[in-house]
Amino acid sequence: MAKQSWLDYLEATWLYQTLRNGMNRGLVKFFRDTVFAGQQGLRVAEVACGSGYAAHLIAQEPSVALSLAADLNLDDYRQVKIKDYRAFFVLMDLFYPALHPGSMDLVWNSSSVEEISQPERAVKAMARLVKSGGRIFLGVPNSYGLAGLMHLIPSRNARAWLGKTYNRAGLRRLVESAGLHLERETSYLFGIFIGALAQKNN
């Protein structure tokens, strides 16, 4: 069994889980206002989802017909023990997805792409799953927020846990590298993260 670091203990604390759940509720509200409003029968996938809590909340939205939570393993999902889980959890590698191309209305991720060694490839993989006119959302740590300051911590484990940070220009470039049209930018969790909502036009 791998030795746990202080970061593993941090993730298991009540405060961390409360902040993460609040962040997820805020993201669902953002989607309700920008994507879900006036729609019906939407198909939504949260990729590299961790616990899948946000996908569980999205499944309860009236405009959503299918909410998928996709990840490589069930570790975080099992840790949080969500009762009466409403989404469908799929064990899936983003680069080799168990979903048909062009089958989703919204594919999104918050706070995982920055840990992937080929983020441009990850965004393109997300875009392939979205139908023409559909959207992707990408949320990443903000270079000018607390995440950027935490990169000053002299700990290799802490920097690896945080992953790469982005400013708004860098996030725009990442989204546009997949041929997506940027629609809206946002910041959340006290500015720790920045996000971009983009549309697939072909």
Protein backbone atom coordinates (compact mmCIF):
# COMPACT_ATOMS: atom_id res chain seq x y z
CA MET A 1 0.00 0.00 0.00
CA ALA A 2 1.35 3.44 -0.96
CA LYS A 3 2.30 5.75 1.91
CA GLN A 4 -0.21 8.55 2.41
CA SER A 5 0.94 12.16 2.30
CA TRP A 6 -0.49 15.16 4.14
CA LEU A 7 -2.40 15.95 0.94
CA ASP A 8 -4.29 12.65 1.17
CA TYR A 9 -5.31 13.53 4.73
CA LEU A 10 -6.30 17.03 3.60
CA GLU A 11 -8.65 15.63 0.95
CA ALA A 12 -10.36 13.47 3.58
CA THR A 13 -11.13 16.38 5.95
CA TRP A 14 -14.62 17.73 6.51
CA LEU A 15 -13.54 21.22 5.47
CA TYR A 16 -12.05 20.07 2.16
CA GLN A 17 -15.10 17.95 1.31
CA THR A 18 -17.44 20.81 2.25
CA LEU A 19 -15.57 23.25 0.01
CA ARG A 20 -15.47 20.77 -2.86
CA ASN A 21 -19.19 20.04 -2.57
CA GLY A 22 -19.96 23.75 -2.49
CA MET A 23 -17.80 24.24 -5.57
CA ASN A 24 -19.72 21.49 -7.37
CA ARG A 25 -23.08 23.04 -6.46
CA GLY A 26 -21.81 26.36 -7.83
CA LEU A 27 -20.76 24.73 -11.10
CA VAL A 28 -24.16 23.09 -11.47
CA LYS A 29 -25.79 26.51 -11.03
CA PHE A 30 -23.44 27.90 -13.69
CA PHE A 31 -24.54 25.15 -16.10
CA ARG A 32 -28.19 25.72 -15.20
CA ASP A 33 -27.87 29.37 -16.18
CA THR A 34 -25.69 28.94 -19.29
CA VAL A 35 -26.45 25.50 -20.78
CA PHE A 36 -29.53 23.89 -19.23
CA ALA A 37 -32.00 26.80 -19.33
CA GLY A 38 -34.88 26.16 -21.72
CA GLN A 39 -33.50 22.78 -22.82
CA GLN A 40 -34.82 19.23 -22.55
CA GLY A 41 -33.34 15.75 -22.85
CA LEU A 42 -29.73 16.83 -22.42
CA ARG A 43 -26.94 14.26 -22.20
CA VAL A 44 -24.09 15.34 -19.93
CA ALA A 45 -20.79 13.66 -19.06
CA GLU A 46 -18.36 14.65 -16.33
CA VAL A 47 -15.03 13.09 -17.29
CA ALA A 48 -12.18 12.38 -14.85
CA CYS A 49 -14.92 13.03 -12.32
CA GLY A 50 -13.39 11.89 -9.03
CA SER A 51 -16.28 11.38 -6.64
CA GLY A 52 -18.93 12.09 -9.29
CA TYR A 53 -20.86 14.29 -6.86
CA ALA A 54 -21.51 17.00 -9.45
CA ALA A 55 -22.81 14.41 -11.94
CA HIS A 56 -25.17 13.23 -9.17
CA LEU A 57 -26.49 16.80 -8.80
CA ILE A 58 -26.77 17.28 -12.56
CA ALA A 59 -28.85 14.10 -12.84
CA GLN A 60 -31.51 15.85 -10.75
CA GLU A 61 -31.81 18.79 -13.16
CA PRO A 62 -35.16 18.71 -15.06
CA SER A 63 -33.51 19.47 -18.40
CA VAL A 64 -31.07 16.55 -18.14
CA ALA A 65 -32.07 13.12 -19.43
CA LEU A 66 -28.70 11.42 -18.82
CA SER A 67 -25.87 12.35 -16.47
CA LEU A 68 -22.69 10.27 -16.67
CA ALA A 69 -19.76 10.28 -14.26
CA ALA A 70 -16.64 8.80 -15.84
CA ASP A 71 -13.30 8.01 -14.25
CA LEU A 72 -10.50 5.46 -14.30
CA ASN A 73 -11.39 4.12 -10.86
CA LEU A 74 -13.98 4.24 -8.09
CA ASP A 75 -11.68 5.36 -5.26
CA ASP A 76 -13.07 8.88 -4.70
CA TYR A 77 -16.64 7.74 -5.34
CA ARG A 78 -16.34 5.08 -2.65
CA GLN A 79 -14.72 7.53 -0.24
CA VAL A 80 -17.58 10.03 -0.25
CA LYS A 81 -20.39 7.41 -0.04
CA ILE A 82 -23.13 9.39 -1.79
CA LYS A 83 -26.57 8.05 -0.84
CA ASP A 84 -29.15 7.35 -3.56
CA TYR A 85 -26.67 8.10 -6.33
CA ARG A 86 -28.59 9.45 -9.35
CA ALA A 87 -25.96 9.56 -12.12
CA PHE A 88 -24.52 6.61 -14.03
CA PHE A 89 -20.89 5.89 -13.12
CA VAL A 90 -18.74 4.60 -16.01
CA LEU A 91 -15.20 3.27 -15.61
CA MET A 92 -13.52 4.91 -18.57
CA ASP A 93 -10.21 6.22 -19.88
CA LEU A 94 -10.79 9.63 -21.49
CA PHE A 95 -8.38 8.74 -24.30
CA TYR A 96 -10.18 5.45 -24.99
CA PRO A 97 -13.78 6.37 -24.11
CA ALA A 98 -16.66 3.95 -23.77
CA LEU A 99 -18.95 6.53 -25.41
CA HIS A 100 -19.85 7.16 -29.02
CA PRO A 101 -18.29 10.27 -30.62
CA GLY A 102 -20.72 13.15 -30.92
CA SER A 103 -23.17 11.64 -28.44
CA MET A 104 -23.16 14.26 -25.65
CA ASP A 105 -24.56 17.78 -25.29
CA LEU A 106 -22.06 18.80 -22.60
CA VAL A 107 -18.76 17.20 -21.61
CA TRP A 108 -16.95 18.83 -18.75
CA ASN A 109 -14.20 18.62 -16.20
CA SER A 110 -13.06 20.67 -13.26
CA SER A 111 -9.62 20.28 -11.71
CA SER A 112 -8.21 17.22 -13.49
CA VAL A 113 -6.93 18.27 -16.91
CA GLU A 114 -4.07 20.21 -15.30
CA GLU A 115 -2.71 16.91 -13.97
CA ILE A 116 -2.64 15.27 -17.42
CA SER A 117 0.70 15.37 -19.27
CA GLN A 118 -1.01 16.10 -22.61
CA PRO A 119 -3.80 18.58 -21.79
CA GLU A 120 -4.39 19.52 -25.45
CA ARG A 121 -5.00 15.87 -26.27
CA ALA A 122 -7.41 15.61 -23.32
CA VAL A 123 -9.46 18.60 -24.50
CA LYS A 124 -9.61 17.21 -28.04
CA ALA A 125 -10.83 13.89 -26.60
CA MET A 126 -13.56 15.74 -24.73
CA ALA A 127 -14.53 17.64 -27.88
CA ARG A 128 -14.88 14.41 -29.87
CA LEU A 129 -17.59 13.23 -27.48
CA VAL A 130 -19.69 16.37 -27.99
CA LYS A 131 -22.21 16.67 -30.81
CA SER A 132 -22.10 19.60 -33.24
CA GLY A 133 -23.41 22.65 -31.39
CA GLY A 134 -22.67 21.00 -28.05
CA ARG A 135 -20.39 22.40 -25.38
CA ILE A 136 -17.42 21.57 -23.23
CA PHE A 137 -16.47 23.18 -19.94
CA LEU A 138 -12.94 23.16 -18.61
CA GLY A 139 -11.98 24.33 -15.13
CA VAL A 140 -8.32 24.66 -14.09
CA PRO A 141 -6.30 26.17 -11.22
CA ASN A 142 -5.81 29.93 -11.54
CA SER A 143 -2.19 31.11 -11.72
CA TYR A 144 -3.26 34.37 -10.04
CA GLY A 145 -5.22 32.73 -7.23
CA LEU A 146 -4.37 30.64 -4.19
CA ALA A 147 -3.33 27.73 -6.44
CA GLY A 148 -0.62 29.89 -7.95
CA LEU A 149 0.67 30.84 -4.51
CA MET A 150 0.67 27.20 -3.41
CA HIS A 151 3.18 26.45 -6.17
CA LEU A 152 5.67 28.35 -4.03
CA ILE A 153 5.48 25.58 -1.40
CA PRO A 154 8.84 23.74 -1.49
CA SER A 155 7.18 20.35 -1.85
CA ARG A 156 7.32 18.25 -5.00
CA ASN A 157 4.24 16.31 -3.86
CA ALA A 158 2.24 19.52 -3.39
CA ARG A 159 3.15 20.80 -6.86
CA ALA A 160 2.31 17.44 -8.43
CA TRP A 161 -1.04 17.40 -6.58
CA LEU A 162 -1.88 20.89 -7.84
CA GLY A 163 -0.78 20.24 -11.41
CA LYS A 164 -0.22 23.04 -13.90
CA THR A 165 -1.82 26.41 -13.27
CA TYR A 166 -3.29 28.62 -16.00
CA ASN A 167 -4.06 32.26 -16.56
CA ARG A 168 -7.05 33.22 -18.70
CA ALA A 169 -4.99 33.56 -21.87
CA GLY A 170 -3.49 30.10 -21.37
CA LEU A 171 -6.92 28.58 -20.78
CA ARG A 172 -8.24 30.24 -23.95
CA ARG A 173 -5.37 28.78 -25.95
CA LEU A 174 -6.04 25.33 -24.51
CA VAL A 175 -9.71 25.47 -25.48
CA GLU A 176 -8.99 26.87 -28.93
CA SER A 177 -6.39 24.14 -29.56
CA ALA A 178 -9.34 21.76 -29.95
CA GLY A 179 -11.04 24.01 -32.50
CA LEU A 180 -13.69 25.14 -30.02
CA HIS A 181 -15.40 28.55 -29.90
CA LEU A 182 -15.07 30.22 -26.51
CA GLU A 183 -18.46 31.41 -25.23
CA ARG A 184 -17.92 32.39 -21.63
CA GLU A 185 -15.28 32.56 -18.91
CA THR A 186 -15.77 32.35 -15.17
CA SER A 187 -13.91 32.01 -11.89
CA TYR A 188 -15.04 30.00 -8.88
CA LEU A 189 -14.15 28.81 -5.39
CA PHE A 190 -12.89 32.26 -4.34
CA GLY A 191 -10.89 32.63 -7.54
CA ILE A 192 -8.85 29.45 -6.99
CA PHE A 193 -10.15 28.11 -10.31
CA ILE A 194 -10.95 29.67 -13.67
CA GLY A 195 -13.23 28.06 -16.22
CA ALA A 196 -14.10 28.28 -19.90
CA LEU A 197 -17.35 27.26 -21.59
CA ALA A 198 -16.88 26.60 -25.31
CA GLN A 199 -18.99 25.38 -28.21
CA LYS A 200 -18.22 22.81 -30.90
CA ASN A 201 -19.25 24.22 -34.26
CA ASN A 202 -18.58 21.26 -36.55
